[in-house]
Amino acid sequence: MRAALRRAGRRAEETAAATYALNGLTVDEARRRVVRDGVEVSLKPKEFDLLAFLIAHPGQVFTRDRILAGVWGLDYAGDSRTVDTHVKTLRERLADRSDRPRWIETVRGVGYRFRESPAD
């Protein structure tokens, strides 16, 4: 019985991790790997979590508080501007410009979203 439950738990973990590929960026959650235009990008753990959260919901706008809850957890007691700092460093590592974002777009007065389609 325990073995069956253990195998079922492993299968659930395997199916929960996904791979996303949009606009030249690939995020493999299971391997915690990011590839930009064929080149692997090294990210810190929270940067990866933030990117995985956003790319899993392309086009959807998230407030800073919603991002904090989804990435840092509901019990996080820090400032919501932490999201801004992580987005800034994530953009730098991805070579994504804030004035013409290819991937992470700022929605003024609301928060951030992962672009569904390439920038013009």
Protein backbone atom coordinates (compact mmCIF):
# COMPACT_ATOMS: atom_id res chain seq x y z
CA MET A 1 0.00 0.00 0.00
CA ARG A 2 2.78 2.45 0.94
CA ALA A 3 4.64 1.68 -2.30
CA ALA A 4 1.53 2.41 -4.37
CA LEU A 5 1.01 5.73 -2.59
CA ARG A 6 4.69 6.62 -3.04
CA ARG A 7 4.51 5.86 -6.79
CA ALA A 8 1.28 7.87 -7.13
CA GLY A 9 2.93 10.79 -5.33
CA ARG A 10 5.91 10.67 -7.70
CA ARG A 11 3.61 10.66 -10.74
CA ALA A 12 1.75 13.69 -9.38
CA GLU A 13 5.05 15.55 -8.92
CA GLU A 14 6.16 14.66 -12.45
CA THR A 15 2.95 15.92 -14.02
CA ALA A 16 2.92 19.10 -11.93
CA ALA A 17 6.21 20.31 -13.47
CA ALA A 18 5.80 21.74 -16.96
CA THR A 19 7.90 23.16 -19.76
CA TYR A 20 6.89 26.50 -21.28
CA ALA A 21 8.23 27.94 -24.51
CA LEU A 22 7.23 31.43 -25.66
CA ASN A 23 8.93 34.12 -27.75
CA GLY A 24 12.34 32.41 -27.77
CA LEU A 25 12.31 31.65 -24.04
CA THR A 26 11.99 28.12 -22.62
CA VAL A 27 11.38 27.41 -18.94
CA ASP A 28 11.67 23.80 -17.78
CA GLU A 29 10.27 23.61 -14.25
CA ALA A 30 11.35 20.03 -13.54
CA ARG A 31 14.99 20.76 -14.39
CA ARG A 32 14.79 24.39 -13.19
CA ARG A 33 16.37 25.40 -16.47
CA VAL A 34 15.88 28.52 -18.58
CA VAL A 35 17.01 28.84 -22.19
CA ARG A 36 16.91 32.16 -24.06
CA ASP A 37 17.34 31.95 -27.84
CA GLY A 38 19.26 28.67 -27.48
CA VAL A 39 21.53 29.86 -24.64
CA GLU A 40 21.06 28.66 -21.07
CA VAL A 41 20.52 31.46 -18.54
CA SER A 42 21.55 31.10 -14.92
CA LEU A 43 18.94 32.38 -12.46
CA LYS A 44 18.74 32.53 -8.70
CA PRO A 45 15.96 30.41 -7.13
CA LYS A 46 13.42 33.23 -6.59
CA GLU A 47 14.14 34.68 -10.05
CA PHE A 48 13.37 31.27 -11.53
CA ASP A 49 10.20 30.93 -9.45
CA LEU A 50 9.04 34.38 -10.52
CA LEU A 51 9.68 33.65 -14.19
CA ALA A 52 7.96 30.25 -13.97
CA PHE A 53 4.96 31.86 -12.28
CA LEU A 54 4.59 34.53 -14.96
CA ILE A 55 5.21 32.32 -18.02
CA ALA A 56 2.66 29.79 -16.73
CA HIS A 57 -0.01 32.51 -17.18
CA PRO A 58 0.91 34.40 -20.39
CA GLY A 59 -1.05 37.59 -20.93
CA GLN A 60 -2.53 37.60 -17.43
CA VAL A 61 -1.78 40.70 -15.36
CA PHE A 62 -0.74 40.13 -11.75
CA THR A 63 -0.53 42.69 -8.98
CA ARG A 64 2.58 42.77 -6.81
CA ASP A 65 0.59 41.28 -3.92
CA ARG A 66 -0.66 38.39 -6.07
CA ILE A 67 2.90 37.71 -7.28
CA LEU A 68 4.15 37.79 -3.68
CA ALA A 69 1.51 35.25 -2.65
CA GLY A 70 2.18 33.01 -5.65
CA VAL A 71 5.99 33.09 -5.52
CA TRP A 72 6.99 33.98 -1.95
CA GLY A 73 3.94 32.51 -0.20
CA LEU A 74 1.06 33.92 1.81
CA ASP A 75 3.14 34.22 4.97
CA TYR A 76 5.75 36.55 3.38
CA ALA A 77 5.99 39.68 5.53
CA GLY A 78 8.27 41.80 3.34
CA ASP A 79 7.57 44.78 1.12
CA SER A 80 5.72 44.37 -2.20
CA ARG A 81 8.53 46.34 -3.87
CA THR A 82 10.57 43.14 -3.58
CA VAL A 83 8.74 42.09 -6.72
CA ASP A 84 10.00 45.18 -8.57
CA THR A 85 13.59 44.41 -7.57
CA HIS A 86 13.31 40.79 -8.68
CA VAL A 87 11.68 41.76 -11.97
CA LYS A 88 14.51 44.24 -12.60
CA THR A 89 17.25 41.67 -11.99
CA LEU A 90 15.35 39.01 -13.93
CA ARG A 91 15.10 41.35 -16.92
CA GLU A 92 18.84 42.04 -16.68
CA ARG A 93 19.67 38.32 -16.68
CA LEU A 94 17.34 37.71 -19.64
CA ALA A 95 18.58 40.84 -21.49
CA ASP A 96 14.98 42.07 -21.54
CA ARG A 97 14.57 45.85 -21.75
CA SER A 98 11.94 47.51 -19.58
CA ASP A 99 11.19 50.16 -22.24
CA ARG A 100 10.63 47.51 -24.97
CA PRO A 101 10.02 44.26 -23.10
CA ARG A 102 10.22 41.02 -25.00
CA TRP A 103 8.95 38.91 -22.12
CA ILE A 104 8.06 40.70 -18.87
CA GLU A 105 5.81 43.68 -19.37
CA THR A 106 4.96 46.33 -16.78
CA VAL A 107 1.28 47.25 -16.60
CA ARG A 108 1.37 50.72 -15.10
CA GLY A 109 -0.57 51.08 -11.87
CA VAL A 110 -1.32 47.35 -11.72
CA GLY A 111 1.68 45.01 -11.89
CA TYR A 112 3.31 42.69 -14.40
CA ARG A 113 2.50 40.15 -17.10
CA PHE A 114 4.36 37.77 -19.39
CA ARG A 115 3.85 38.79 -23.01
CA GLU A 116 1.83 36.38 -25.13
CA SER A 117 3.33 37.55 -28.39
CA PRO A 118 6.64 39.12 -29.42
CA ALA A 119 7.11 42.87 -29.08
CA ASP A 120 6.61 44.89 -32.24
